[in-house]
Structure formats: structure tokens, C-alpha cells
Amino acid sequence: MISKKEVEHIAKLARLGLDEKELEKMEKELSLILDYIEKLNEVDVSKVKITSQSLRNENTMREDVENSQSKKLNSKLLDSAPSKKENYIKTKPIF
């Protein structure tokens, strides 16, 4: 069971302004969470294989293919740019 003093300390660290009713509610809820964690600690997981990802997802990527619409947009953008060099928009240096 977590004490009211500990809940007040946690609330202060989290910068939560809790009234008396909320403190009691948090005390009960945090105690339930800690009880559940204690139950989980009792489970024997010594024979469970360690996994870093349970779904075995692979990185799926599409091919980078230029389409005609993007070519048109790129040429419009380059034509409207005030300054350009080759196929790039030239900008002022930042530093």
C-alpha cells in the first residue's frame, strides 16, 4: 500500500495540484498498480525466450520512382525560384 505522503510527494514532483479527494483516489489507484506489478514479479519467466520484437515485422520500402507529375512540379518550382544553380534552388547562407 502506498501512503498518502508518498502520493503527495509524487504529485509535487509531477507538478499536479491534487485536492483531498483526488489524493485518496490516486492512493488507491497507485496501490492497485503496485499490487499488480507484484503479481507479475511472481510469474516464472525463466524459460521464456527473450524477444526484441514480437511481430517479426520487416522494413518495407517502396521504390523511389519519379513520376511525370513530380517532374512538372519540380520544373515549375525551379522556374519560380529567384536564384538557382543547376537543378537546385539557391538560398542565402544561414551562418
PDB file of N, CA and C in Angstrom:
ATOM      1  N   MET A   1       0.843  -1.178   0.000  1.00  0.00           N
ATOM      2  CA  MET A   1       0.000   0.000   0.000  1.00  0.00           C
ATOM      3  C   MET A   1       0.890   1.244   0.000  1.00  0.00           C
ATOM      4  N   ILE A   2       0.573   2.170  -0.845  1.00  0.00           N
ATOM      5  CA  ILE A   2       1.321   3.420  -0.928  1.00  0.00           C
ATOM      6  C   ILE A   2       0.685   4.426   0.033  1.00  0.00           C
ATOM      7  N   SER A   3       1.500   5.197   0.670  1.00  0.00           N
ATOM      8  CA  SER A   3       0.974   6.126   1.674  1.00  0.00           C
ATOM      9  C   SER A   3       0.532   7.444   1.040  1.00  0.00           C
ATOM     10  N   LYS A   4      -0.268   8.165   1.785  1.00  0.00           N
ATOM     11  CA  LYS A   4      -0.750   9.470   1.326  1.00  0.00           C
ATOM     12  C   LYS A   4       0.420  10.432   1.156  1.00  0.00           C
ATOM     13  N   LYS A   5       1.406  10.336   2.054  1.00  0.00           N
ATOM     14  CA  LYS A   5       2.583  11.195   1.994  1.00  0.00           C
ATOM     15  C   LYS A   5       3.360  10.944   0.699  1.00  0.00           C
ATOM     16  N   GLU A   6       3.474   9.656   0.295  1.00  0.00           N
ATOM     17  CA  GLU A   6       4.169   9.318  -0.944  1.00  0.00           C
ATOM     18  C   GLU A   6       3.407   9.845  -2.163  1.00  0.00           C
ATOM     19  N   VAL A   7       2.084   9.765  -2.120  1.00  0.00           N
ATOM     20  CA  VAL A   7       1.267  10.296  -3.219  1.00  0.00           C
ATOM     21  C   VAL A   7       1.443  11.803  -3.325  1.00  0.00           C
ATOM     22  N   GLU A   8       1.463  12.480  -2.191  1.00  0.00           N
ATOM     23  CA  GLU A   8       1.678  13.926  -2.199  1.00  0.00           C
ATOM     24  C   GLU A   8       3.044  14.277  -2.798  1.00  0.00           C
ATOM     25  N   HIS A   9       4.054  13.468  -2.458  1.00  0.00           N
ATOM     26  CA  HIS A   9       5.399  13.688  -2.986  1.00  0.00           C
ATOM     27  C   HIS A   9       5.416  13.482  -4.503  1.00  0.00           C
ATOM     28  N   ILE A  10       4.794  12.410  -4.972  1.00  0.00           N
ATOM     29  CA  ILE A  10       4.729  12.127  -6.410  1.00  0.00           C
ATOM     30  C   ILE A  10       3.990  13.249  -7.134  1.00  0.00           C
ATOM     31  N   ALA A  11       2.880  13.700  -6.545  1.00  0.00           N
ATOM     32  CA  ALA A  11       2.102  14.784  -7.146  1.00  0.00           C
ATOM     33  C   ALA A  11       2.930  16.068  -7.216  1.00  0.00           C
ATOM     34  N   LYS A  12       3.726  16.311  -6.202  1.00  0.00           N
ATOM     35  CA  LYS A  12       4.585  17.509  -6.196  1.00  0.00           C
ATOM     36  C   LYS A  12       5.639  17.414  -7.290  1.00  0.00           C
ATOM     37  N   LEU A  13       6.247  16.226  -7.444  1.00  0.00           N
ATOM     38  CA  LEU A  13       7.253  16.033  -8.487  1.00  0.00           C
ATOM     39  C   LEU A  13       6.653  16.193  -9.880  1.00  0.00           C
ATOM     40  N   ALA A  14       5.401  15.743 -10.040  1.00  0.00           N
ATOM     41  CA  ALA A  14       4.721  15.840 -11.328  1.00  0.00           C
ATOM     42  C   ALA A  14       4.032  17.186 -11.511  1.00  0.00           C
ATOM     43  N   ARG A  15       4.165  18.034 -10.493  1.00  0.00           N
ATOM     44  CA  ARG A  15       3.543  19.368 -10.501  1.00  0.00           C
ATOM     45  C   ARG A  15       2.025  19.286 -10.707  1.00  0.00           C
ATOM     46  N   LEU A  16       1.421  18.349  -9.973  1.00  0.00           N
ATOM     47  CA  LEU A  16      -0.024  18.192 -10.011  1.00  0.00           C
ATOM     48  C   LEU A  16      -0.626  18.799  -8.758  1.00  0.00           C
ATOM     49  N   GLY A  17      -1.600  19.620  -8.942  1.00  0.00           N
ATOM     50  CA  GLY A  17      -2.310  20.181  -7.801  1.00  0.00           C
ATOM     51  C   GLY A  17      -3.524  19.309  -7.505  1.00  0.00           C
ATOM     52  N   LEU A  18      -3.392  18.402  -6.561  1.00  0.00           N
ATOM     53  CA  LEU A  18      -4.478  17.470  -6.248  1.00  0.00           C
ATOM     54  C   LEU A  18      -5.165  17.878  -4.958  1.00  0.00           C
ATOM     55  N   ASP A  19      -6.502  17.816  -4.976  1.00  0.00           N
ATOM     56  CA  ASP A  19      -7.225  18.081  -3.736  1.00  0.00           C
ATOM     57  C   ASP A  19      -7.316  16.787  -2.928  1.00  0.00           C
ATOM     58  N   GLU A  20      -7.955  16.837  -1.796  1.00  0.00           N
ATOM     59  CA  GLU A  20      -8.023  15.702  -0.859  1.00  0.00           C
ATOM     60  C   GLU A  20      -8.679  14.480  -1.506  1.00  0.00           C
ATOM     61  N   LYS A  21      -9.743  14.694  -2.243  1.00  0.00           N
ATOM     62  CA  LYS A  21     -10.457  13.588  -2.892  1.00  0.00           C
ATOM     63  C   LYS A  21      -9.588  12.926  -3.958  1.00  0.00           C
ATOM     64  N   GLU A  22      -8.889  13.753  -4.744  1.00  0.00           N
ATOM     65  CA  GLU A  22      -8.011  13.227  -5.782  1.00  0.00           C
ATOM     66  C   GLU A  22      -6.812  12.488  -5.182  1.00  0.00           C
ATOM     67  N   LEU A  23      -6.312  12.980  -4.048  1.00  0.00           N
ATOM     68  CA  LEU A  23      -5.205  12.290  -3.371  1.00  0.00           C
ATOM     69  C   LEU A  23      -5.618  10.888  -2.941  1.00  0.00           C
ATOM     70  N   GLU A  24      -6.819  10.760  -2.385  1.00  0.00           N
ATOM     71  CA  GLU A  24      -7.311   9.447  -1.969  1.00  0.00           C
ATOM     72  C   GLU A  24      -7.475   8.516  -3.162  1.00  0.00           C
ATOM     73  N   LYS A  25      -8.014   9.060  -4.258  1.00  0.00           N
ATOM     74  CA  LYS A  25      -8.209   8.262  -5.472  1.00  0.00           C
ATOM     75  C   LYS A  25      -6.862   7.781  -6.007  1.00  0.00           C
ATOM     76  N   MET A  26      -5.886   8.682  -6.071  1.00  0.00           N
ATOM     77  CA  MET A  26      -4.552   8.321  -6.557  1.00  0.00           C
ATOM     78  C   MET A  26      -3.886   7.301  -5.646  1.00  0.00           C
ATOM     79  N   GLU A  27      -4.095   7.439  -4.359  1.00  0.00           N
ATOM     80  CA  GLU A  27      -3.518   6.492  -3.401  1.00  0.00           C
ATOM     81  C   GLU A  27      -4.031   5.084  -3.687  1.00  0.00           C
ATOM     82  N   LYS A  28      -5.337   4.959  -3.911  1.00  0.00           N
ATOM     83  CA  LYS A  28      -5.923   3.647  -4.205  1.00  0.00           C
ATOM     84  C   LYS A  28      -5.427   3.114  -5.553  1.00  0.00           C
ATOM     85  N   GLU A  29      -5.436   3.980  -6.582  1.00  0.00           N
ATOM     86  CA  GLU A  29      -5.052   3.538  -7.917  1.00  0.00           C
ATOM     87  C   GLU A  29      -3.575   3.152  -7.999  1.00  0.00           C
ATOM     88  N   LEU A  30      -2.715   3.946  -7.389  1.00  0.00           N
ATOM     89  CA  LEU A  30      -1.292   3.607  -7.397  1.00  0.00           C
ATOM     90  C   LEU A  30      -1.018   2.334  -6.609  1.00  0.00           C
ATOM     91  N   SER A  31      -1.759   2.127  -5.538  1.00  0.00           N
ATOM     92  CA  SER A  31      -1.604   0.893  -4.764  1.00  0.00           C
ATOM     93  C   SER A  31      -2.020  -0.319  -5.588  1.00  0.00           C
ATOM     94  N   LEU A  32      -3.109  -0.181  -6.351  1.00  0.00           N
ATOM     95  CA  LEU A  32      -3.555  -1.278  -7.221  1.00  0.00           C
ATOM     96  C   LEU A  32      -2.513  -1.584  -8.299  1.00  0.00           C
ATOM     97  N   ILE A  33      -1.917  -0.540  -8.841  1.00  0.00           N
ATOM     98  CA  ILE A  33      -0.881  -0.739  -9.865  1.00  0.00           C
ATOM     99  C   ILE A  33       0.315  -1.468  -9.270  1.00  0.00           C
ATOM    100  N   LEU A  34       0.745  -1.045  -8.094  1.00  0.00           N
ATOM    101  CA  LEU A  34       1.893  -1.700  -7.451  1.00  0.00           C
ATOM    102  C   LEU A  34       1.574  -3.139  -7.073  1.00  0.00           C
ATOM    103  N   ASP A  35       0.340  -3.414  -6.645  1.00  0.00           N
ATOM    104  CA  ASP A  35      -0.073  -4.795  -6.350  1.00  0.00           C
ATOM    105  C   ASP A  35      -0.015  -5.652  -7.611  1.00  0.00           C
ATOM    106  N   TYR A  36      -0.454  -5.099  -8.728  1.00  0.00           N
ATOM    107  CA  TYR A  36      -0.428  -5.835  -9.990  1.00  0.00           C
ATOM    108  C   TYR A  36       1.004  -6.134 -10.422  1.00  0.00           C
ATOM    109  N   ILE A  37       1.881  -5.165 -10.260  1.00  0.00           N
ATOM    110  CA  ILE A  37       3.290  -5.379 -10.603  1.00  0.00           C
ATOM    111  C   ILE A  37       3.888  -6.461  -9.720  1.00  0.00           C
ATOM    112  N   GLU A  38       3.494  -6.473  -8.457  1.00  0.00           N
ATOM    113  CA  GLU A  38       3.973  -7.515  -7.542  1.00  0.00           C
ATOM    114  C   GLU A  38       3.520  -8.897  -8.002  1.00  0.00           C
ATOM    115  N   LYS A  39       2.290  -8.996  -8.492  1.00  0.00           N
ATOM    116  CA  LYS A  39       1.797 -10.271  -9.030  1.00  0.00           C
ATOM    117  C   LYS A  39       2.606 -10.685 -10.255  1.00  0.00           C
ATOM    118  N   LEU A  40       2.932  -9.724 -11.104  1.00  0.00           N
ATOM    119  CA  LEU A  40       3.726 -10.031 -12.291  1.00  0.00           C
ATOM    120  C   LEU A  40       5.117 -10.517 -11.917  1.00  0.00           C
ATOM    121  N   ASN A  41       5.670  -9.994 -10.841  1.00  0.00           N
ATOM    122  CA  ASN A  41       7.001 -10.421 -10.394  1.00  0.00           C
ATOM    123  C   ASN A  41       7.003 -11.859  -9.900  1.00  0.00           C
ATOM    124  N   GLU A  42       5.850 -12.393  -9.524  1.00  0.00           N
ATOM    125  CA  GLU A  42       5.766 -13.761  -9.038  1.00  0.00           C
ATOM    126  C   GLU A  42       5.778 -14.788 -10.172  1.00  0.00           C
ATOM    127  N   VAL A  43       5.534 -14.372 -11.391  1.00  0.00           N
ATOM    128  CA  VAL A  43       5.460 -15.285 -12.532  1.00  0.00           C
ATOM    129  C   VAL A  43       6.865 -15.744 -12.906  1.00  0.00           C
ATOM    130  N   ASP A  44       7.000 -17.067 -13.131  1.00  0.00           N
ATOM    131  CA  ASP A  44       8.282 -17.637 -13.526  1.00  0.00           C
ATOM    132  C   ASP A  44       8.466 -17.467 -15.038  1.00  0.00           C
ATOM    133  N   VAL A  45       9.416 -16.643 -15.421  1.00  0.00           N
ATOM    134  CA  VAL A  45       9.679 -16.395 -16.837  1.00  0.00           C
ATOM    135  C   VAL A  45      11.068 -16.898 -17.236  1.00  0.00           C
ATOM    136  N   SER A  46      11.634 -17.775 -16.450  1.00  0.00           N
ATOM    137  CA  SER A  46      12.994 -18.237 -16.712  1.00  0.00           C
ATOM    138  C   SER A  46      13.099 -19.027 -18.014  1.00  0.00           C
ATOM    139  N   LYS A  47      12.018 -19.669 -18.449  1.00  0.00           N
ATOM    140  CA  LYS A  47      12.065 -20.470 -19.673  1.00  0.00           C
ATOM    141  C   LYS A  47      11.517 -19.717 -20.890  1.00  0.00           C
ATOM    142  N   VAL A  48      11.181 -18.461 -20.711  1.00  0.00           N
ATOM    143  CA  VAL A  48      10.652 -17.665 -21.813  1.00  0.00           C
ATOM    144  C   VAL A  48      11.812 -17.068 -22.601  1.00  0.00           C
ATOM    145  N   LYS A  49      11.756 -17.275 -23.915  1.00  0.00           N
ATOM    146  CA  LYS A  49      12.807 -16.784 -24.791  1.00  0.00           C
ATOM    147  C   LYS A  49      12.699 -15.259 -24.909  1.00  0.00           C
ATOM    148  N   ILE A  50      13.821 -14.575 -24.801  1.00  0.00           N
ATOM    149  CA  ILE A  50      13.850 -13.115 -24.888  1.00  0.00           C
ATOM    150  C   ILE A  50      13.634 -12.705 -26.340  1.00  0.00           C
ATOM    151  N   THR A  51      12.746 -11.742 -26.540  1.00  0.00           N
ATOM    152  CA  THR A  51      12.486 -11.228 -27.892  1.00  0.00           C
ATOM    153  C   THR A  51      12.611  -9.715 -27.882  1.00  0.00           C
ATOM    154  N   SER A  52      13.122  -9.196 -28.970  1.00  0.00           N
ATOM    155  CA  SER A  52      13.212  -7.743 -29.072  1.00  0.00           C
ATOM    156  C   SER A  52      11.995  -7.181 -29.790  1.00  0.00           C
ATOM    157  N   GLN A  53      11.382  -8.006 -30.654  1.00  0.00           N
ATOM    158  CA  GLN A  53      10.161  -7.594 -31.325  1.00  0.00           C
ATOM    159  C   GLN A  53       9.298  -8.826 -31.506  1.00  0.00           C
ATOM    160  N   SER A  54       8.058  -8.730 -31.121  1.00  0.00           N
ATOM    161  CA  SER A  54       7.195  -9.908 -31.133  1.00  0.00           C
ATOM    162  C   SER A  54       6.509 -10.152 -32.466  1.00  0.00           C
ATOM    163  N   LEU A  55       6.436  -9.156 -33.342  1.00  0.00           N
ATOM    164  CA  LEU A  55       5.663  -9.301 -34.577  1.00  0.00           C
ATOM    165  C   LEU A  55       6.492  -9.693 -35.802  1.00  0.00           C
ATOM    166  N   ARG A  56       7.771  -9.718 -35.682  1.00  0.00           N
ATOM    167  CA  ARG A  56       8.670 -10.062 -36.784  1.00  0.00           C
ATOM    168  C   ARG A  56       8.399  -9.232 -38.037  1.00  0.00           C
ATOM    169  N   ASN A  57       8.179  -7.962 -37.852  1.00  0.00           N
ATOM    170  CA  ASN A  57       7.973  -7.060 -38.983  1.00  0.00           C
ATOM    171  C   ASN A  57       9.296  -6.794 -39.678  1.00  0.00           C
ATOM    172  N   GLU A  58       9.220  -6.668 -40.984  1.00  0.00           N
ATOM    173  CA  GLU A  58      10.404  -6.295 -41.740  1.00  0.00           C
ATOM    174  C   GLU A  58      10.195  -4.899 -42.278  1.00  0.00           C
ATOM    175  N   ASN A  59      11.269  -4.208 -42.510  1.00  0.00           N
ATOM    176  CA  ASN A  59      11.185  -2.872 -43.041  1.00  0.00           C
ATOM    177  C   ASN A  59      10.715  -2.953 -44.493  1.00  0.00           C
ATOM    178  N   THR A  60       9.566  -2.379 -44.771  1.00  0.00           N
ATOM    179  CA  THR A  60       9.037  -2.403 -46.134  1.00  0.00           C
ATOM    180  C   THR A  60       9.183  -1.011 -46.722  1.00  0.00           C
ATOM    181  N   MET A  61       9.842  -0.958 -47.872  1.00  0.00           N
ATOM    182  CA  MET A  61      10.070   0.321 -48.516  1.00  0.00           C
ATOM    183  C   MET A  61       9.659   0.209 -49.981  1.00  0.00           C
ATOM    184  N   ARG A  62       9.166   1.305 -50.503  1.00  0.00           N
ATOM    185  CA  ARG A  62       8.799   1.328 -51.912  1.00  0.00           C
ATOM    186  C   ARG A  62       9.980   1.848 -52.721  1.00  0.00           C
ATOM    187  N   GLU A  63       9.943   1.558 -54.018  1.00  0.00           N
ATOM    188  CA  GLU A  63      10.980   2.086 -54.896  1.00  0.00           C
ATOM    189  C   GLU A  63      10.791   3.583 -55.042  1.00  0.00           C
ATOM    190  N   ASP A  64      11.871   4.293 -55.144  1.00  0.00           N
ATOM    191  CA  ASP A  64      11.811   5.733 -55.324  1.00  0.00           C
ATOM    192  C   ASP A  64      11.743   6.010 -56.823  1.00  0.00           C
ATOM    193  N   VAL A  65      10.518   6.175 -57.313  1.00  0.00           N
ATOM    194  CA  VAL A  65      10.306   6.355 -58.745  1.00  0.00           C
ATOM    195  C   VAL A  65       9.754   7.756 -58.988  1.00  0.00           C
ATOM    196  N   GLU A  66      10.357   8.459 -59.921  1.00  0.00           N
ATOM    197  CA  GLU A  66       9.891   9.794 -60.252  1.00  0.00           C
ATOM    198  C   GLU A  66       8.754   9.677 -61.265  1.00  0.00           C
ATOM    199  N   ASN A  67       7.669  10.371 -61.017  1.00  0.00           N
ATOM    200  CA  ASN A  67       6.567  10.341 -61.972  1.00  0.00           C
ATOM    201  C   ASN A  67       6.497  11.659 -62.733  1.00  0.00           C
ATOM    202  N   SER A  68       5.710  11.700 -63.785  1.00  0.00           N
ATOM    203  CA  SER A  68       5.657  12.880 -64.643  1.00  0.00           C
ATOM    204  C   SER A  68       5.088  14.089 -63.909  1.00  0.00           C
ATOM    205  N   GLN A  69       4.172  13.855 -62.983  1.00  0.00           N
ATOM    206  CA  GLN A  69       3.577  14.960 -62.241  1.00  0.00           C
ATOM    207  C   GLN A  69       4.623  15.654 -61.372  1.00  0.00           C
ATOM    208  N   SER A  70       5.499  14.876 -60.739  1.00  0.00           N
ATOM    209  CA  SER A  70       6.527  15.496 -59.910  1.00  0.00           C
ATOM    210  C   SER A  70       7.558  16.237 -60.764  1.00  0.00           C
ATOM    211  N   LYS A  71       7.814  15.748 -61.992  1.00  0.00           N
ATOM    212  CA  LYS A  71       8.737  16.466 -62.886  1.00  0.00           C
ATOM    213  C   LYS A  71       8.176  17.842 -63.226  1.00  0.00           C
ATOM    214  N   LYS A  72       6.875  17.892 -63.514  1.00  0.00           N
ATOM    215  CA  LYS A  72       6.234  19.171 -63.838  1.00  0.00           C
ATOM    216  C   LYS A  72       6.298  20.123 -62.641  1.00  0.00           C
ATOM    217  N   LEU A  73       6.004  19.594 -61.460  1.00  0.00           N
ATOM    218  CA  LEU A  73       6.033  20.415 -60.252  1.00  0.00           C
ATOM    219  C   LEU A  73       7.442  20.925 -59.978  1.00  0.00           C
ATOM    220  N   ASN A  74       8.430  20.069 -60.149  1.00  0.00           N
ATOM    221  CA  ASN A  74       9.821  20.478 -59.931  1.00  0.00           C
ATOM    222  C   ASN A  74      10.230  21.583 -60.900  1.00  0.00           C
ATOM    223  N   SER A  75       9.855  21.444 -62.155  1.00  0.00           N
ATOM    224  CA  SER A  75      10.238  22.472 -63.130  1.00  0.00           C
ATOM    225  C   SER A  75       9.524  23.790 -62.844  1.00  0.00           C
ATOM    226  N   LYS A  76       8.260  23.750 -62.424  1.00  0.00           N
ATOM    227  CA  LYS A  76       7.544  24.971 -62.049  1.00  0.00           C
ATOM    228  C   LYS A  76       8.217  25.646 -60.856  1.00  0.00           C
ATOM    229  N   LEU A  77       8.595  24.843 -59.883  1.00  0.00           N
ATOM    230  CA  LEU A  77       9.244  25.376 -58.686  1.00  0.00           C
ATOM    231  C   LEU A  77      10.578  26.017 -59.038  1.00  0.00           C
ATOM    232  N   LEU A  78      11.375  25.331 -59.863  1.00  0.00           N
ATOM    233  CA  LEU A  78      12.672  25.886 -60.255  1.00  0.00           C
ATOM    234  C   LEU A  78      12.503  27.155 -61.084  1.00  0.00           C
ATOM    235  N   ASP A  79      11.490  27.185 -61.942  1.00  0.00           N
ATOM    236  CA  ASP A  79      11.258  28.378 -62.764  1.00  0.00           C
ATOM    237  C   ASP A  79      10.857  29.583 -61.917  1.00  0.00           C
ATOM    238  N   SER A  80      10.141  29.337 -60.825  1.00  0.00           N
ATOM    239  CA  SER A  80       9.679  30.449 -59.989  1.00  0.00           C
ATOM    240  C   SER A  80      10.696  30.867 -58.927  1.00  0.00           C
ATOM    241  N   ALA A  81      11.757  30.113 -58.785  1.00  0.00           N
ATOM    242  CA  ALA A  81      12.770  30.442 -57.777  1.00  0.00           C
ATOM    243  C   ALA A  81      13.567  31.670 -58.199  1.00  0.00           C
ATOM    244  N   PRO A  82      13.874  32.570 -57.261  1.00  0.00           N
ATOM    245  CA  PRO A  82      14.626  33.778 -57.621  1.00  0.00           C
ATOM    246  C   PRO A  82      16.067  33.492 -58.014  1.00  0.00           C
ATOM    247  N   SER A  83      16.632  32.441 -57.462  1.00  0.00           N
ATOM    248  CA  SER A  83      18.023  32.112 -57.763  1.00  0.00           C
ATOM    249  C   SER A  83      18.169  30.596 -57.786  1.00  0.00           C
ATOM    250  N   LYS A  84      18.868  30.089 -58.798  1.00  0.00           N
ATOM    251  CA  LYS A  84      19.055  28.637 -58.887  1.00  0.00           C
ATOM    252  C   LYS A  84      20.438  28.317 -59.437  1.00  0.00           C
ATOM    253  N   LYS A  85      20.861  27.098 -59.126  1.00  0.00           N
ATOM    254  CA  LYS A  85      22.147  26.601 -59.620  1.00  0.00           C
ATOM    255  C   LYS A  85      21.923  25.146 -60.015  1.00  0.00           C
ATOM    256  N   GLU A  86      22.161  24.846 -61.284  1.00  0.00           N
ATOM    257  CA  GLU A  86      21.869  23.537 -61.868  1.00  0.00           C
ATOM    258  C   GLU A  86      20.399  23.214 -61.621  1.00  0.00           C
ATOM    259  N   ASN A  87      20.077  22.121 -60.982  1.00  0.00           N
ATOM    260  CA  ASN A  87      18.670  21.766 -60.719  1.00  0.00           C
ATOM    261  C   ASN A  87      18.295  21.980 -59.258  1.00  0.00           C
ATOM    262  N   TYR A  88      18.934  22.960 -58.622  1.00  0.00           N
ATOM    263  CA  TYR A  88      18.673  23.221 -57.210  1.00  0.00           C
ATOM    264  C   TYR A  88      18.313  24.690 -57.012  1.00  0.00           C
ATOM    265  N   ILE A  89      17.524  24.950 -55.973  1.00  0.00           N
ATOM    266  CA  ILE A  89      17.208  26.319 -55.600  1.00  0.00           C
ATOM    267  C   ILE A  89      18.356  26.840 -54.739  1.00  0.00           C
ATOM    268  N   LYS A  90      18.879  27.988 -55.097  1.00  0.00           N
ATOM    269  CA  LYS A  90      19.994  28.570 -54.354  1.00  0.00           C
ATOM    270  C   LYS A  90      19.417  29.484 -53.271  1.00  0.00           C
ATOM    271  N   THR A  91      19.892  29.298 -52.051  1.00  0.00           N
ATOM    272  CA  THR A  91      19.414  30.108 -50.920  1.00  0.00           C
ATOM    273  C   THR A  91      20.585  30.845 -50.294  1.00  0.00           C
ATOM    274  N   LYS A  92      20.235  31.826 -49.470  1.00  0.00           N
ATOM    275  CA  LYS A  92      21.278  32.561 -48.759  1.00  0.00           C
ATOM    276  C   LYS A  92      21.847  31.679 -47.655  1.00  0.00           C
ATOM    277  N   PRO A  93      23.134  31.838 -47.361  1.00  0.00           N
ATOM    278  CA  PRO A  93      23.712  31.047 -46.266  1.00  0.00           C
ATOM    279  C   PRO A  93      23.115  31.440 -44.920  1.00  0.00           C
ATOM    280  N   ILE A  94      23.034  30.507 -44.036  1.00  0.00           N
ATOM    281  CA  ILE A  94      22.451  30.743 -42.710  1.00  0.00           C
ATOM    282  C   ILE A  94      23.483  31.333 -41.761  1.00  0.00           C
ATOM    283  N   PHE A  95      24.676  30.833 -41.795  1.00  0.00           N
ATOM    284  CA  PHE A  95      25.692  31.290 -40.853  1.00  0.00           C
ATOM    285  C   PHE A  95      26.540  32.378 -41.425  1.00  0.00           C
TER     286      PHE A  95
END
